[in-house]
């Protein structure tokens, strides 16, 4: 099984860099079968990239999610709108579906952020949430199971012990 973890956001806007920070942590301790990708935003070309995987986990910062993070499955958006700059994860997977590419089961890990000023570095609270989200996600990824990702997205218990 191959899983893609795709973090996005702008590290130059403080906590908006949470997606990139989580990907960086995963790259320091690679998990077999898990690839990472990181960008400031999602683009049309990402549909082709994600179509090559069995599952994809998008990771982004959020100002409105519960503390410390939320994890949910996402479906293709029925409304695909493009700008010259960015797309929502739901639109990327909808583009897979619309163009006949493999549309992998997709999930969104939204990590609660607090500061969005034009400067680098995460706020202390965001760093704490990042660590908790990292532990949660790695506990899922080590299980190498799309079913386990779905169970976690439905609020099922997720043991963090990896022994």
Protein backbone atom coordinates (compact mmCIF):
# COMPACT_ATOMS: atom_id res chain seq x y z
CA UNK A 1 0.00 0.00 0.00
CA UNK A 2 1.21 3.51 -0.82
CA UNK A 3 -0.03 6.53 1.11
CA UNK A 4 0.74 10.16 0.29
CA UNK A 5 0.83 12.77 3.05
CA UNK A 6 0.47 16.17 1.38
CA UNK A 7 1.09 19.19 3.60
CA UNK A 8 0.30 22.64 2.35
CA UNK A 9 0.36 26.20 3.63
CA UNK A 10 2.69 29.15 3.88
CA UNK A 11 5.49 28.81 6.47
CA UNK A 12 6.07 32.57 6.09
CA UNK A 13 2.67 33.18 7.77
CA UNK A 14 3.41 31.60 11.14
CA UNK A 15 0.92 28.82 11.94
CA UNK A 16 -0.15 28.54 8.29
CA UNK A 17 3.05 26.50 8.00
CA UNK A 18 1.68 23.61 10.10
CA UNK A 19 1.16 21.35 7.06
CA UNK A 20 4.74 21.85 5.92
CA UNK A 21 6.04 21.35 9.47
CA UNK A 22 4.26 18.00 9.80
CA UNK A 23 5.66 16.82 6.46
CA UNK A 24 9.14 17.85 7.60
CA UNK A 25 8.72 15.74 10.74
CA UNK A 26 7.66 12.73 8.67
CA UNK A 27 10.67 13.15 6.40
CA UNK A 28 12.96 12.92 9.45
CA UNK A 29 11.52 9.51 10.36
CA UNK A 30 10.31 7.90 7.12
CA UNK A 31 7.56 5.30 7.35
CA UNK A 32 7.61 2.45 4.82
CA UNK A 33 4.96 2.91 2.12
CA UNK A 34 4.43 6.58 2.97
CA UNK A 35 5.54 9.39 0.66
CA UNK A 36 5.35 13.08 1.40
CA UNK A 37 4.71 16.18 -0.67
CA UNK A 38 4.62 19.80 0.37
CA UNK A 39 3.61 23.04 -1.30
CA UNK A 40 2.22 26.47 -0.49
CA UNK A 41 -1.11 25.50 -2.04
CA UNK A 42 -2.87 22.75 -3.95
CA UNK A 43 -2.90 22.95 -7.74
CA UNK A 44 -4.51 21.22 -10.72
CA UNK A 45 -1.37 19.09 -11.27
CA UNK A 46 -1.81 17.55 -7.82
CA UNK A 47 -4.72 15.47 -9.15
CA UNK A 48 -2.29 13.43 -11.23
CA UNK A 49 0.12 13.09 -8.30
CA UNK A 50 -2.48 11.80 -5.84
CA UNK A 51 -3.99 9.42 -8.40
CA UNK A 52 -0.89 7.22 -8.07
CA UNK A 53 -1.59 6.41 -4.41
CA UNK A 54 -3.89 4.07 -2.51
CA UNK A 55 -4.82 6.87 -0.08
CA UNK A 56 -3.93 10.50 0.52
CA UNK A 57 -3.88 12.55 3.72
CA UNK A 58 -3.95 16.30 3.17
CA UNK A 59 -2.53 18.32 6.08
CA UNK A 60 -3.35 21.98 6.61
CA UNK A 61 -3.57 24.57 9.36
CA UNK A 62 -6.97 25.70 10.56
CA UNK A 63 -8.20 28.64 12.59
CA UNK A 64 -11.59 27.08 13.33
CA UNK A 65 -11.01 23.37 14.01
CA UNK A 66 -11.13 21.86 17.45
CA UNK A 67 -7.95 21.78 19.50
CA UNK A 68 -5.50 20.21 18.80
CA UNK A 69 -6.59 18.84 15.39
CA UNK A 70 -9.41 17.18 13.47
CA UNK A 71 -9.23 14.23 11.09
CA UNK A 72 -11.97 13.43 8.61
CA UNK A 73 -12.50 11.69 5.31
CA UNK A 74 -13.29 14.01 2.43
CA UNK A 75 -15.28 13.46 -0.74
CA UNK A 76 -14.91 14.99 -4.18
CA UNK A 77 -16.51 18.44 -4.35
CA UNK A 78 -19.45 18.65 -6.72
CA UNK A 79 -18.49 22.24 -7.40
CA UNK A 80 -15.07 22.55 -8.99
CA UNK A 81 -13.85 26.11 -9.09
CA UNK A 82 -10.38 27.05 -10.16
CA UNK A 83 -8.35 30.13 -9.58
CA UNK A 84 -4.90 30.76 -10.88
CA UNK A 85 -3.51 30.02 -7.45
CA UNK A 86 -5.11 27.31 -5.36
CA UNK A 87 -7.68 24.56 -4.94
CA UNK A 88 -9.37 22.85 -2.01
CA UNK A 89 -8.50 19.17 -1.38
CA UNK A 90 -12.06 18.22 -2.30
CA UNK A 91 -11.58 19.90 -5.69
CA UNK A 92 -8.31 18.05 -6.32
CA UNK A 93 -9.96 14.68 -5.76
CA UNK A 94 -12.99 15.78 -7.82
CA UNK A 95 -10.62 16.55 -10.68
CA UNK A 96 -9.27 12.98 -10.43
CA UNK A 97 -12.80 11.68 -10.70
CA UNK A 98 -13.77 14.03 -13.56
CA UNK A 99 -10.72 13.14 -15.67
CA UNK A 100 -10.95 9.39 -15.15
CA UNK A 101 -7.87 9.14 -12.93
CA UNK A 102 -7.81 6.86 -9.91
CA UNK A 103 -9.52 8.74 -7.08
CA UNK A 104 -7.91 7.53 -3.85
CA UNK A 105 -9.67 7.59 -0.48
CA UNK A 106 -8.79 11.00 0.90
CA UNK A 107 -8.57 12.51 4.34
CA UNK A 108 -7.93 15.94 5.85
CA UNK A 109 -5.85 16.44 8.99
CA UNK A 110 -6.54 20.03 10.07
CA UNK A 111 -4.22 21.27 12.81
CA UNK A 112 -5.37 24.18 14.95
CA UNK A 113 -3.28 27.32 14.49
CA UNK A 114 -3.46 30.70 16.21
CA UNK A 115 -1.10 33.24 14.62
CA UNK A 116 -1.15 34.24 10.91
CA UNK A 117 1.21 37.22 10.72
CA UNK A 118 3.88 37.57 8.04
CA UNK A 119 6.77 35.93 9.87
CA UNK A 120 8.31 32.48 10.08
CA UNK A 121 7.96 30.16 13.06
CA UNK A 122 5.01 28.51 14.74
CA UNK A 123 3.31 29.82 17.84
CA UNK A 124 3.87 27.81 21.03
CA UNK A 125 0.27 26.50 21.06
CA UNK A 126 0.50 25.49 17.40
CA UNK A 127 3.74 23.59 18.10
CA UNK A 128 1.97 21.63 20.83
CA UNK A 129 -0.92 20.82 18.47
CA UNK A 130 1.56 19.82 15.76
CA UNK A 131 3.23 17.29 18.06
CA UNK A 132 -0.12 15.75 19.00
CA UNK A 133 -1.22 15.62 15.34
CA UNK A 134 2.09 14.01 14.36
CA UNK A 135 1.72 11.30 17.01
CA UNK A 136 -1.87 10.67 15.91
CA UNK A 137 -1.03 10.47 12.22
CA UNK A 138 2.03 8.26 12.62
CA UNK A 139 -0.04 5.86 14.73
CA UNK A 140 -2.35 5.53 11.71
CA UNK A 141 0.33 5.35 9.05
CA UNK A 142 2.23 2.54 10.74
CA UNK A 143 -0.88 0.39 10.50
CA UNK A 144 -0.73 0.57 6.68
CA UNK A 145 -4.51 0.31 6.34
CA UNK A 146 -7.08 2.46 4.56
CA UNK A 147 -9.74 0.87 6.77
CA UNK A 148 -7.90 2.14 9.82
CA UNK A 149 -7.81 5.66 8.33
CA UNK A 150 -11.58 5.52 7.80
CA UNK A 151 -12.16 4.24 11.35
CA UNK A 152 -10.10 7.12 12.76
CA UNK A 153 -11.96 9.63 10.56
CA UNK A 154 -15.23 8.44 12.07
CA UNK A 155 -14.00 9.07 15.59
CA UNK A 156 -13.02 5.51 16.36
CA UNK A 157 -10.37 4.87 19.02
CA UNK A 158 -6.82 5.21 17.75
CA UNK A 159 -4.20 3.69 20.06
CA UNK A 160 -0.94 5.62 19.84
CA UNK A 161 1.21 2.78 21.17
CA UNK A 162 3.26 1.53 18.21
CA UNK A 163 4.84 -1.47 19.96
